Amino acid sequence: MPTEHVHSRADRRLRTEEKVISAAADLFLEFGYKTTTVRSIAKRAEVSVGRVMAAGDKDVLLVRCYDRWIGQLQSGTYTLPARARALTEATQSTRTRARPAATSAVQNHLVGIFLPFLEFFAAHEDLSRDYAAALMRVVGKPQVFETLAADLQDKLSSSLVSIGISEAYAQASAVALYDSYLGILFRWAASDMSLNEATEALSDSIAFHTQLRRPI
Protein backbone atom coordinates (compact mmCIF):
# COMPACT_ATOMS: atom_id res chain seq x y z
CA MET A 1 0.00 0.00 0.00
CA PRO A 2 1.37 3.48 -0.91
CA THR A 3 0.25 4.94 2.43
CA GLU A 4 2.09 2.22 4.35
CA HIS A 5 5.21 2.89 2.28
CA VAL A 6 5.03 6.61 3.08
CA HIS A 7 4.60 5.88 6.80
CA SER A 8 7.53 3.45 6.69
CA ARG A 9 9.79 6.08 5.11
CA ALA A 10 8.66 8.71 7.64
CA ASP A 11 9.33 6.30 10.53
CA ARG A 12 12.81 5.53 9.20
CA ARG A 13 13.53 9.24 8.85
CA LEU A 14 12.42 9.91 12.43
CA ARG A 15 14.53 7.02 13.73
CA THR A 16 17.55 8.33 11.82
CA GLU A 17 17.01 11.84 13.20
CA GLU A 18 16.78 10.40 16.70
CA LYS A 19 20.11 8.62 16.20
CA VAL A 20 21.68 11.85 14.92
CA ILE A 21 20.39 13.94 17.85
CA SER A 22 21.52 11.32 20.37
CA ALA A 23 24.97 11.15 18.79
CA ALA A 24 25.26 14.93 18.67
CA ALA A 25 24.16 15.22 22.31
CA ASP A 26 26.81 12.74 23.45
CA LEU A 27 29.58 14.43 21.47
CA PHE A 28 28.60 17.98 22.46
CA LEU A 29 28.68 17.02 26.14
CA GLU A 30 31.92 15.08 25.79
CA PHE A 31 33.95 17.33 23.49
CA GLY A 32 32.08 20.64 23.28
CA TYR A 33 30.45 22.43 20.36
CA LYS A 34 33.51 23.76 18.56
CA THR A 35 35.44 20.47 18.58
CA THR A 36 32.50 18.35 17.46
CA THR A 37 32.16 18.08 13.68
CA VAL A 38 29.31 16.98 11.43
CA ARG A 39 31.54 14.12 10.30
CA SER A 40 32.12 12.94 13.87
CA ILE A 41 28.37 13.05 14.51
CA ALA A 42 27.78 10.98 11.39
CA LYS A 43 30.38 8.45 12.50
CA ARG A 44 28.90 8.17 16.01
CA ALA A 45 25.36 7.82 14.62
CA GLU A 46 26.55 5.39 11.93
CA VAL A 47 24.90 7.39 9.15
CA SER A 48 26.15 9.47 6.24
CA VAL A 49 27.11 13.14 6.52
CA GLY A 50 24.16 13.88 4.25
CA ARG A 51 21.79 12.24 6.75
CA VAL A 52 23.18 14.43 9.50
CA MET A 53 22.76 17.58 7.42
CA ALA A 54 19.18 16.55 6.63
CA ALA A 55 18.50 16.73 10.37
CA GLY A 56 20.19 20.14 10.59
CA ASP A 57 23.52 21.92 10.69
CA LYS A 58 25.52 22.15 13.93
CA ASP A 59 23.56 25.13 15.23
CA VAL A 60 20.23 23.40 14.63
CA LEU A 61 21.49 20.18 16.19
CA LEU A 62 22.72 21.99 19.30
CA VAL A 63 19.36 23.76 19.71
CA ARG A 64 17.53 20.46 19.27
CA CYS A 65 19.80 18.84 21.86
CA TYR A 66 18.98 21.61 24.33
CA ASP A 67 15.28 21.24 23.58
CA ARG A 68 15.66 17.58 24.53
CA TRP A 69 17.69 18.27 27.68
CA ILE A 70 15.33 21.04 28.81
CA GLY A 71 12.36 18.74 28.21
CA GLN A 72 14.02 16.05 30.34
CA LEU A 73 14.77 18.59 33.07
CA GLN A 74 11.15 19.75 33.08
CA SER A 75 9.85 16.19 33.27
CA GLY A 76 12.38 15.21 35.94
CA THR A 77 13.95 12.48 33.79
CA TYR A 78 17.39 14.09 33.43
CA THR A 79 20.03 13.09 35.96
CA LEU A 80 22.47 15.88 36.82
CA PRO A 81 26.17 14.98 36.94
CA ALA A 82 28.01 14.99 40.28
CA ARG A 83 29.51 18.44 39.63
CA ALA A 84 26.06 19.97 39.14
CA ARG A 85 24.78 18.34 42.34
CA ALA A 86 27.70 19.88 44.25
CA LEU A 87 26.87 23.28 42.73
CA THR A 88 23.25 22.81 43.81
CA GLU A 89 24.19 22.22 47.43
CA ALA A 90 26.49 25.26 47.45
CA THR A 91 23.83 27.46 45.87
CA GLN A 92 21.13 26.35 48.27
CA SER A 93 23.43 26.97 51.24
CA THR A 94 24.40 30.43 49.99
CA ARG A 95 20.79 31.39 49.27
CA THR A 96 19.67 30.28 52.74
CA ARG A 97 22.39 32.31 54.47
CA ALA A 98 21.77 35.37 52.30
CA ARG A 99 18.05 35.71 52.91
CA PRO A 100 16.81 33.46 55.73
CA ALA A 101 13.54 35.33 56.33
CA ALA A 102 12.92 36.99 52.97
CA THR A 103 11.70 33.96 51.03
CA SER A 104 8.42 32.14 51.47
CA ALA A 105 7.80 28.45 50.86
CA VAL A 106 6.18 29.32 47.51
CA GLN A 107 9.14 31.50 46.49
CA ASN A 108 11.53 28.68 47.34
CA HIS A 109 9.31 26.30 45.39
CA LEU A 110 9.44 28.57 42.33
CA VAL A 111 13.21 28.93 42.57
CA GLY A 112 13.33 25.14 42.79
CA ILE A 113 11.42 24.87 39.50
CA PHE A 114 14.11 26.92 37.73
CA LEU A 115 17.13 25.60 39.60
CA PRO A 116 17.70 22.43 37.50
CA PHE A 117 18.06 24.59 34.36
CA LEU A 118 20.50 26.95 36.06
CA GLU A 119 22.47 23.96 37.34
CA PHE A 120 22.61 22.44 33.87
CA PHE A 121 23.93 25.69 32.40
CA ALA A 122 26.51 25.91 35.19
CA ALA A 123 27.64 22.32 34.62
CA HIS A 124 28.05 22.94 30.87
CA GLU A 125 28.92 26.62 30.80
CA ASP A 126 30.88 26.78 27.52
CA LEU A 127 28.34 24.63 25.69
CA SER A 128 25.51 26.76 27.04
CA ARG A 129 27.19 29.92 25.75
CA ASP A 130 27.43 28.27 22.33
CA TYR A 131 23.73 27.37 22.65
CA ALA A 132 22.77 30.97 23.41
CA ALA A 133 24.70 32.10 20.32
CA ALA A 134 23.12 29.34 18.19
CA LEU A 135 19.63 30.46 19.23
CA MET A 136 20.38 33.87 17.70
CA ARG A 137 21.43 32.27 14.41
CA VAL A 138 18.83 29.53 13.95
CA VAL A 139 15.77 30.38 11.87
CA GLY A 140 12.60 28.82 13.23
CA LYS A 141 10.91 28.25 16.57
CA PRO A 142 12.79 26.02 19.00
CA GLN A 143 10.62 24.17 21.52
CA VAL A 144 12.12 26.30 24.30
CA PHE A 145 10.00 29.17 22.94
CA GLU A 146 6.90 27.07 22.25
CA THR A 147 5.74 23.81 23.88
CA LEU A 148 8.45 23.76 26.55
CA ALA A 149 7.73 27.40 27.41
CA ALA A 150 3.98 26.75 27.66
CA ASP A 151 4.49 23.73 29.93
CA LEU A 152 6.79 25.59 32.31
CA GLN A 153 4.56 28.67 32.37
CA ASP A 154 1.58 26.47 33.29
CA LYS A 155 3.54 25.08 36.22
CA LEU A 156 4.56 28.56 37.38
CA SER A 157 1.02 29.90 37.01
CA SER A 158 -0.42 27.07 39.13
CA SER A 159 2.07 27.81 41.90
CA LEU A 160 1.16 31.50 41.87
CA VAL A 161 -2.57 30.77 41.99
CA SER A 162 -1.95 28.52 44.99
CA ILE A 163 -0.93 31.53 47.12
CA GLY A 164 -4.00 33.54 46.25
CA ILE A 165 -2.87 35.46 43.18
CA SER A 166 -5.68 35.81 40.67
CA GLU A 167 -5.50 33.56 37.63
CA ALA A 168 -5.11 36.46 35.18
CA TYR A 169 -2.22 37.96 37.16
CA ALA A 170 -0.72 34.51 37.71
CA GLN A 171 -0.64 33.81 33.98
CA ALA A 172 0.90 37.20 33.22
CA SER A 173 3.47 36.78 35.99
CA ALA A 174 4.33 33.27 34.77
CA VAL A 175 5.14 34.68 31.32
CA ALA A 176 7.19 37.50 32.91
CA LEU A 177 9.09 35.03 35.10
CA TYR A 178 9.84 32.84 32.11
CA ASP A 179 11.12 35.85 30.19
CA SER A 180 13.23 36.86 33.22
CA TYR A 181 14.69 33.36 33.35
CA LEU A 182 15.62 33.47 29.64
CA GLY A 183 17.05 36.97 30.05
CA ILE A 184 19.19 35.84 32.98
CA LEU A 185 20.49 32.88 30.97
CA PHE A 186 21.46 35.14 28.04
CA ARG A 187 23.04 37.63 30.44
CA TRP A 188 24.93 34.77 32.06
CA ALA A 189 26.13 33.54 28.67
CA ALA A 190 27.49 37.00 27.81
CA SER A 191 29.24 37.74 31.12
CA ASP A 192 31.12 36.26 34.05
CA MET A 193 27.92 35.93 36.10
CA SER A 194 28.11 33.08 38.62
CA LEU A 195 25.48 30.45 39.42
CA ASN A 196 24.83 32.14 42.78
CA GLU A 197 24.37 35.54 41.11
CA ALA A 198 22.03 34.07 38.49
CA THR A 199 19.98 32.36 41.20
CA GLU A 200 19.80 35.55 43.27
CA ALA A 201 18.66 37.57 40.23
CA LEU A 202 15.92 35.05 39.57
CA SER A 203 14.96 35.01 43.26
CA ASP A 204 14.53 38.81 43.19
CA SER A 205 12.22 38.55 40.17
CA ILE A 206 10.23 35.79 41.84
CA ALA A 207 9.93 37.83 45.06
CA PHE A 208 8.37 40.69 43.07
CA HIS A 209 5.90 38.49 41.21
CA THR A 210 4.75 36.57 44.29
CA GLN A 211 3.29 39.65 45.93
CA LEU A 212 -0.47 39.12 46.30
CA ARG A 213 -2.21 40.92 43.46
CA ARG A 214 -5.85 41.11 42.63
CA PRO A 215 -7.68 43.00 39.90
CA ILE A 216 -8.68 46.55 40.92
C-alpha atoms as a PDB file:
ATOM      1  CA  MET A   1       0.000   0.000   0.000  1.00  0.00           C
ATOM      2  CA  PRO A   2       1.369   3.475  -0.911  1.00  0.00           C
ATOM      3  CA  THR A   3       0.253   4.937   2.432  1.00  0.00           C
ATOM      4  CA  GLU A   4       2.094   2.223   4.353  1.00  0.00           C
ATOM      5  CA  HIS A   5       5.211   2.889   2.277  1.00  0.00           C
ATOM      6  CA  VAL A   6       5.032   6.606   3.081  1.00  0.00           C
ATOM      7  CA  HIS A   7       4.605   5.882   6.803  1.00  0.00           C
ATOM      8  CA  SER A   8       7.530   3.450   6.693  1.00  0.00           C
ATOM      9  CA  ARG A   9       9.789   6.079   5.106  1.00  0.00           C
ATOM     10  CA  ALA A  10       8.663   8.706   7.641  1.00  0.00           C
ATOM     11  CA  ASP A  11       9.334   6.301  10.527  1.00  0.00           C
ATOM     12  CA  ARG A  12      12.812   5.534   9.198  1.00  0.00           C
ATOM     13  CA  ARG A  13      13.530   9.237   8.848  1.00  0.00           C
ATOM     14  CA  LEU A  14      12.419   9.907  12.425  1.00  0.00           C
ATOM     15  CA  ARG A  15      14.526   7.017  13.731  1.00  0.00           C
ATOM     16  CA  THR A  16      17.550   8.330  11.819  1.00  0.00           C
ATOM     17  CA  GLU A  17      17.007  11.841  13.199  1.00  0.00           C
ATOM     18  CA  GLU A  18      16.777  10.404  16.702  1.00  0.00           C
ATOM     19  CA  LYS A  19      20.110   8.625  16.203  1.00  0.00           C
ATOM     20  CA  VAL A  20      21.683  11.846  14.921  1.00  0.00           C
ATOM     21  CA  ILE A  21      20.387  13.942  17.846  1.00  0.00           C
ATOM     22  CA  SER A  22      21.515  11.320  20.366  1.00  0.00           C
ATOM     23  CA  ALA A  23      24.970  11.149  18.790  1.00  0.00           C
ATOM     24  CA  ALA A  24      25.260  14.933  18.668  1.00  0.00           C
ATOM     25  CA  ALA A  25      24.161  15.222  22.312  1.00  0.00           C
ATOM     26  CA  ASP A  26      26.809  12.739  23.447  1.00  0.00           C
ATOM     27  CA  LEU A  27      29.579  14.434  21.470  1.00  0.00           C
ATOM     28  CA  PHE A  28      28.604  17.982  22.462  1.00  0.00           C
ATOM     29  CA  LEU A  29      28.676  17.024  26.143  1.00  0.00           C
ATOM     30  CA  GLU A  30      31.915  15.083  25.792  1.00  0.00           C
ATOM     31  CA  PHE A  31      33.952  17.333  23.492  1.00  0.00           C
ATOM     32  CA  GLY A  32      32.082  20.643  23.275  1.00  0.00           C
ATOM     33  CA  TYR A  33      30.452  22.432  20.361  1.00  0.00           C
ATOM     34  CA  LYS A  34      33.515  23.757  18.562  1.00  0.00           C
ATOM     35  CA  THR A  35      35.441  20.474  18.578  1.00  0.00           C
ATOM     36  CA  THR A  36      32.496  18.355  17.461  1.00  0.00           C
ATOM     37  CA  THR A  37      32.159  18.081  13.678  1.00  0.00           C
ATOM     38  CA  VAL A  38      29.312  16.977  11.432  1.00  0.00           C
ATOM     39  CA  ARG A  39      31.544  14.122  10.298  1.00  0.00           C
ATOM     40  CA  SER A  40      32.117  12.939  13.873  1.00  0.00           C
ATOM     41  CA  ILE A  41      28.370  13.052  14.512  1.00  0.00           C
ATOM     42  CA  ALA A  42      27.784  10.979  11.386  1.00  0.00           C
ATOM     43  CA  LYS A  43      30.378   8.445  12.504  1.00  0.00           C
ATOM     44  CA  ARG A  44      28.900   8.172  16.013  1.00  0.00           C
ATOM     45  CA  ALA A  45      25.359   7.825  14.618  1.00  0.00           C
ATOM     46  CA  GLU A  46      26.545   5.386  11.934  1.00  0.00           C
ATOM     47  CA  VAL A  47      24.902   7.391   9.147  1.00  0.00           C
ATOM     48  CA  SER A  48      26.147   9.470   6.237  1.00  0.00           C
ATOM     49  CA  VAL A  49      27.114  13.139   6.521  1.00  0.00           C
ATOM     50  CA  GLY A  50      24.160  13.877   4.247  1.00  0.00           C
ATOM     51  CA  ARG A  51      21.789  12.243   6.748  1.00  0.00           C
ATOM     52  CA  VAL A  52      23.179  14.425   9.504  1.00  0.00           C
ATOM     53  CA  MET A  53      22.758  17.576   7.424  1.00  0.00           C
ATOM     54  CA  ALA A  54      19.181  16.546   6.633  1.00  0.00           C
ATOM     55  CA  ALA A  55      18.498  16.735  10.372  1.00  0.00           C
ATOM     56  CA  GLY A  56      20.195  20.141  10.592  1.00  0.00           C
ATOM     57  CA  ASP A  57      23.521  21.920  10.695  1.00  0.00           C
ATOM     58  CA  LYS A  58      25.525  22.148  13.934  1.00  0.00           C
ATOM     59  CA  ASP A  59      23.558  25.132  15.231  1.00  0.00           C
ATOM     60  CA  VAL A  60      20.229  23.403  14.634  1.00  0.00           C
ATOM     61  CA  LEU A  61      21.492  20.180  16.188  1.00  0.00           C
ATOM     62  CA  LEU A  62      22.716  21.994  19.303  1.00  0.00           C
ATOM     63  CA  VAL A  63      19.361  23.756  19.713  1.00  0.00           C
ATOM     64  CA  ARG A  64      17.528  20.456  19.269  1.00  0.00           C
ATOM     65  CA  CYS A  65      19.804  18.840  21.863  1.00  0.00           C
ATOM     66  CA  TYR A  66      18.979  21.613  24.328  1.00  0.00           C
ATOM     67  CA  ASP A  67      15.277  21.239  23.580  1.00  0.00           C
ATOM     68  CA  ARG A  68      15.660  17.581  24.533  1.00  0.00           C
ATOM     69  CA  TRP A  69      17.687  18.270  27.676  1.00  0.00           C
ATOM     70  CA  ILE A  70      15.332  21.037  28.808  1.00  0.00           C
ATOM     71  CA  GLY A  71      12.364  18.742  28.215  1.00  0.00           C
ATOM     72  CA  GLN A  72      14.016  16.053  30.338  1.00  0.00           C
ATOM     73  CA  LEU A  73      14.771  18.590  33.074  1.00  0.00           C
ATOM     74  CA  GLN A  74      11.148  19.747  33.081  1.00  0.00           C
ATOM     75  CA  SER A  75       9.848  16.188  33.270  1.00  0.00           C
ATOM     76  CA  GLY A  76      12.380  15.215  35.936  1.00  0.00           C
ATOM     77  CA  THR A  77      13.946  12.479  33.791  1.00  0.00           C
ATOM     78  CA  TYR A  78      17.389  14.093  33.425  1.00  0.00           C
ATOM     79  CA  THR A  79      20.026  13.095  35.961  1.00  0.00           C
ATOM     80  CA  LEU A  80      22.466  15.882  36.818  1.00  0.00           C
ATOM     81  CA  PRO A  81      26.169  14.984  36.944  1.00  0.00           C
ATOM     82  CA  ALA A  82      28.015  14.989  40.278  1.00  0.00           C
ATOM     83  CA  ARG A  83      29.514  18.439  39.628  1.00  0.00           C
ATOM     84  CA  ALA A  84      26.060  19.968  39.135  1.00  0.00           C
ATOM     85  CA  ARG A  85      24.775  18.344  42.340  1.00  0.00           C
ATOM     86  CA  ALA A  86      27.697  19.883  44.246  1.00  0.00           C
ATOM     87  CA  LEU A  87      26.866  23.280  42.726  1.00  0.00           C
ATOM     88  CA  THR A  88      23.255  22.812  43.807  1.00  0.00           C
ATOM     89  CA  GLU A  89      24.194  22.218  47.432  1.00  0.00           C
ATOM     90  CA  ALA A  90      26.492  25.258  47.452  1.00  0.00           C
ATOM     91  CA  THR A  91      23.834  27.460  45.866  1.00  0.00           C
ATOM     92  CA  GLN A  92      21.127  26.350  48.274  1.00  0.00           C
ATOM     93  CA  SER A  93      23.428  26.974  51.235  1.00  0.00           C
ATOM     94  CA  THR A  94      24.396  30.431  49.988  1.00  0.00           C
ATOM     95  CA  ARG A  95      20.793  31.390  49.274  1.00  0.00           C
ATOM     96  CA  THR A  96      19.672  30.277  52.736  1.00  0.00           C
ATOM     97  CA  ARG A  97      22.394  32.314  54.467  1.00  0.00           C
ATOM     98  CA  ALA A  98      21.770  35.370  52.301  1.00  0.00           C
ATOM     99  CA  ARG A  99      18.053  35.715  52.914  1.00  0.00           C
ATOM    100  CA  PRO A 100      16.806  33.461  55.734  1.00  0.00           C
ATOM    101  CA  ALA A 101      13.540  35.333  56.334  1.00  0.00           C
ATOM    102  CA  ALA A 102      12.920  36.987  52.972  1.00  0.00           C
ATOM    103  CA  THR A 103      11.695  33.960  51.029  1.00  0.00           C
ATOM    104  CA  SER A 104       8.418  32.136  51.468  1.00  0.00           C
ATOM    105  CA  ALA A 105       7.803  28.451  50.856  1.00  0.00           C
ATOM    106  CA  VAL A 106       6.184  29.322  47.512  1.00  0.00           C
ATOM    107  CA  GLN A 107       9.144  31.498  46.486  1.00  0.00           C
ATOM    108  CA  ASN A 108      11.534  28.682  47.342  1.00  0.00           C
ATOM    109  CA  HIS A 109       9.310  26.297  45.386  1.00  0.00           C
ATOM    110  CA  LEU A 110       9.437  28.573  42.325  1.00  0.00           C
ATOM    111  CA  VAL A 111      13.210  28.932  42.574  1.00  0.00           C
ATOM    112  CA  GLY A 112      13.334  25.139  42.789  1.00  0.00           C
ATOM    113  CA  ILE A 113      11.424  24.873  39.497  1.00  0.00           C
ATOM    114  CA  PHE A 114      14.106  26.916  37.725  1.00  0.00           C
ATOM    115  CA  LEU A 115      17.129  25.598  39.597  1.00  0.00           C
ATOM    116  CA  PRO A 116      17.701  22.432  37.495  1.00  0.00           C
ATOM    117  CA  PHE A 117      18.056  24.589  34.363  1.00  0.00           C
ATOM    118  CA  LEU A 118      20.504  26.950  36.062  1.00  0.00           C
ATOM    119  CA  GLU A 119      22.473  23.956  37.341  1.00  0.00           C
ATOM    120  CA  PHE A 120      22.607  22.437  33.871  1.00  0.00           C
ATOM    121  CA  PHE A 121      23.929  25.686  32.397  1.00  0.00           C
ATOM    122  CA  ALA A 122      26.507  25.914  35.189  1.00  0.00           C
ATOM    123  CA  ALA A 123      27.636  22.320  34.624  1.00  0.00           C
ATOM    124  CA  HIS A 124      28.051  22.944  30.871  1.00  0.00           C
ATOM    125  CA  GLU A 125      28.919  26.623  30.798  1.00  0.00           C
ATOM    126  CA  ASP A 126      30.884  26.778  27.524  1.00  0.00           C
ATOM    127  CA  LEU A 127      28.344  24.634  25.687  1.00  0.00           C
ATOM    128  CA  SER A 128      25.507  26.764  27.043  1.00  0.00           C
ATOM    129  CA  ARG A 129      27.186  29.916  25.746  1.00  0.00           C
ATOM    130  CA  ASP A 130      27.425  28.270  22.329  1.00  0.00           C
ATOM    131  CA  TYR A 131      23.734  27.371  22.647  1.00  0.00           C
ATOM    132  CA  ALA A 132      22.771  30.974  23.411  1.00  0.00           C
ATOM    133  CA  ALA A 133      24.698  32.099  20.323  1.00  0.00           C
ATOM    134  CA  ALA A 134      23.118  29.345  18.189  1.00  0.00           C
ATOM    135  CA  LEU A 135      19.627  30.463  19.228  1.00  0.00           C
ATOM    136  CA  MET A 136      20.378  33.866  17.695  1.00  0.00           C
ATOM    137  CA  ARG A 137      21.427  32.269  14.407  1.00  0.00           C
ATOM    138  CA  VAL A 138      18.830  29.527  13.946  1.00  0.00           C
ATOM    139  CA  VAL A 139      15.768  30.377  11.871  1.00  0.00           C
ATOM    140  CA  GLY A 140      12.595  28.820  13.229  1.00  0.00           C
ATOM    141  CA  LYS A 141      10.907  28.251  16.574  1.00  0.00           C
ATOM    142  CA  PRO A 142      12.793  26.016  19.004  1.00  0.00           C
ATOM    143  CA  GLN A 143      10.623  24.174  21.524  1.00  0.00           C
ATOM    144  CA  VAL A 144      12.115  26.300  24.302  1.00  0.00           C
ATOM    145  CA  PHE A 145       9.996  29.171  22.943  1.00  0.00           C
ATOM    146  CA  GLU A 146       6.895  27.072  22.252  1.00  0.00           C
ATOM    147  CA  THR A 147       5.738  23.815  23.883  1.00  0.00           C
ATOM    148  CA  LEU A 148       8.448  23.764  26.555  1.00  0.00           C
ATOM    149  CA  ALA A 149       7.731  27.401  27.406  1.00  0.00           C
ATOM    150  CA  ALA A 150       3.985  26.754  27.657  1.00  0.00           C
ATOM    151  CA  ASP A 151       4.493  23.727  29.930  1.00  0.00           C
ATOM    152  CA  LEU A 152       6.790  25.592  32.312  1.00  0.00           C
ATOM    153  CA  GLN A 153       4.562  28.666  32.370  1.00  0.00           C
ATOM    154  CA  ASP A 154       1.576  26.472  33.291  1.00  0.00           C
ATOM    155  CA  LYS A 155       3.543  25.075  36.222  1.00  0.00           C
ATOM    156  CA  LEU A 156       4.560  28.556  37.382  1.00  0.00           C
ATOM    157  CA  SER A 157       1.016  29.902  37.015  1.00  0.00           C
ATOM    158  CA  SER A 158      -0.424  27.067  39.134  1.00  0.00           C
ATOM    159  CA  SER A 159       2.071  27.808  41.901  1.00  0.00           C
ATOM    160  CA  LEU A 160       1.159  31.502  41.868  1.00  0.00           C
ATOM    161  CA  VAL A 161      -2.570  30.765  41.989  1.00  0.00           C
ATOM    162  CA  SER A 162      -1.954  28.519  44.991  1.00  0.00           C
ATOM    163  CA  ILE A 163      -0.930  31.528  47.121  1.00  0.00           C
ATOM    164  CA  GLY A 164      -4.002  33.539  46.251  1.00  0.00           C
ATOM    165  CA  ILE A 165      -2.866  35.462  43.176  1.00  0.00           C
ATOM    166  CA  SER A 166      -5.683  35.811  40.668  1.00  0.00           C
ATOM    167  CA  GLU A 167      -5.500  33.555  37.625  1.00  0.00           C
ATOM    168  CA  ALA A 168      -5.112  36.458  35.176  1.00  0.00           C
ATOM    169  CA  TYR A 169      -2.221  37.958  37.161  1.00  0.00           C
ATOM    170  CA  ALA A 170      -0.716  34.511  37.706  1.00  0.00           C
ATOM    171  CA  GLN A 171      -0.641  33.808  33.977  1.00  0.00           C
ATOM    172  CA  ALA A 172       0.895  37.201  33.217  1.00  0.00           C
ATOM    173  CA  SER A 173       3.474  36.780  35.989  1.00  0.00           C
ATOM    174  CA  ALA A 174       4.331  33.272  34.772  1.00  0.00           C
ATOM    175  CA  VAL A 175       5.144  34.682  31.323  1.00  0.00           C
ATOM    176  CA  ALA A 176       7.190  37.499  32.907  1.00  0.00           C
ATOM    177  CA  LEU A 177       9.086  35.033  35.104  1.00  0.00           C
ATOM    178  CA  TYR A 178       9.842  32.835  32.111  1.00  0.00           C
ATOM    179  CA  ASP A 179      11.120  35.851  30.191  1.00  0.00           C
ATOM    180  CA  SER A 180      13.227  36.857  33.221  1.00  0.00           C
ATOM    181  CA  TYR A 181      14.695  33.362  33.353  1.00  0.00           C
ATOM    182  CA  LEU A 182      15.624  33.467  29.641  1.00  0.00           C
ATOM    183  CA  GLY A 183      17.051  36.972  30.055  1.00  0.00           C
ATOM    184  CA  ILE A 184      19.189  35.838  32.983  1.00  0.00           C
ATOM    185  CA  LEU A 185      20.485  32.879  30.965  1.00  0.00           C
ATOM    186  CA  PHE A 186      21.461  35.136  28.041  1.00  0.00           C
ATOM    187  CA  ARG A 187      23.039  37.627  30.436  1.00  0.00           C
ATOM    188  CA  TRP A 188      24.932  34.768  32.061  1.00  0.00           C
ATOM    189  CA  ALA A 189      26.128  33.541  28.666  1.00  0.00           C
ATOM    190  CA  ALA A 190      27.486  37.003  27.813  1.00  0.00           C
ATOM    191  CA  SER A 191      29.237  37.741  31.124  1.00  0.00           C
ATOM    192  CA  ASP A 192      31.118  36.260  34.052  1.00  0.00           C
ATOM    193  CA  MET A 193      27.919  35.934  36.102  1.00  0.00           C
ATOM    194  CA  SER A 194      28.111  33.083  38.619  1.00  0.00           C
ATOM    195  CA  LEU A 195      25.483  30.451  39.423  1.00  0.00           C
ATOM    196  CA  ASN A 196      24.828  32.137  42.779  1.00  0.00           C
ATOM    197  CA  GLU A 197      24.371  35.537  41.107  1.00  0.00           C
ATOM    198  CA  ALA A 198      22.025  34.075  38.492  1.00  0.00           C
ATOM    199  CA  THR A 199      19.980  32.361  41.205  1.00  0.00           C
ATOM    200  CA  GLU A 200      19.800  35.554  43.273  1.00  0.00           C
ATOM    201  CA  ALA A 201      18.665  37.571  40.230  1.00  0.00           C
ATOM    202  CA  LEU A 202      15.916  35.052  39.567  1.00  0.00           C
ATOM    203  CA  SER A 203      14.960  35.014  43.260  1.00  0.00           C
ATOM    204  CA  ASP A 204      14.529  38.805  43.189  1.00  0.00           C
ATOM    205  CA  SER A 205      12.222  38.551  40.174  1.00  0.00           C
ATOM    206  CA  ILE A 206      10.228  35.785  41.839  1.00  0.00           C
ATOM    207  CA  ALA A 207       9.926  37.830  45.061  1.00  0.00           C
ATOM    208  CA  PHE A 208       8.365  40.686  43.073  1.00  0.00           C
ATOM    209  CA  HIS A 209       5.902  38.490  41.210  1.00  0.00           C
ATOM    210  CA  THR A 210       4.746  36.567  44.293  1.00  0.00           C
ATOM    211  CA  GLN A 211       3.286  39.654  45.930  1.00  0.00           C
ATOM    212  CA  LEU A 212      -0.466  39.124  46.304  1.00  0.00           C
ATOM    213  CA  ARG A 213      -2.208  40.921  43.465  1.00  0.00           C
ATOM    214  CA  ARG A 214      -5.850  41.107  42.631  1.00  0.00           C
ATOM    215  CA  PRO A 215      -7.682  42.999  39.898  1.00  0.00           C
ATOM    216  CA  ILE A 216      -8.682  46.547  40.920  1.00  0.00           C
END
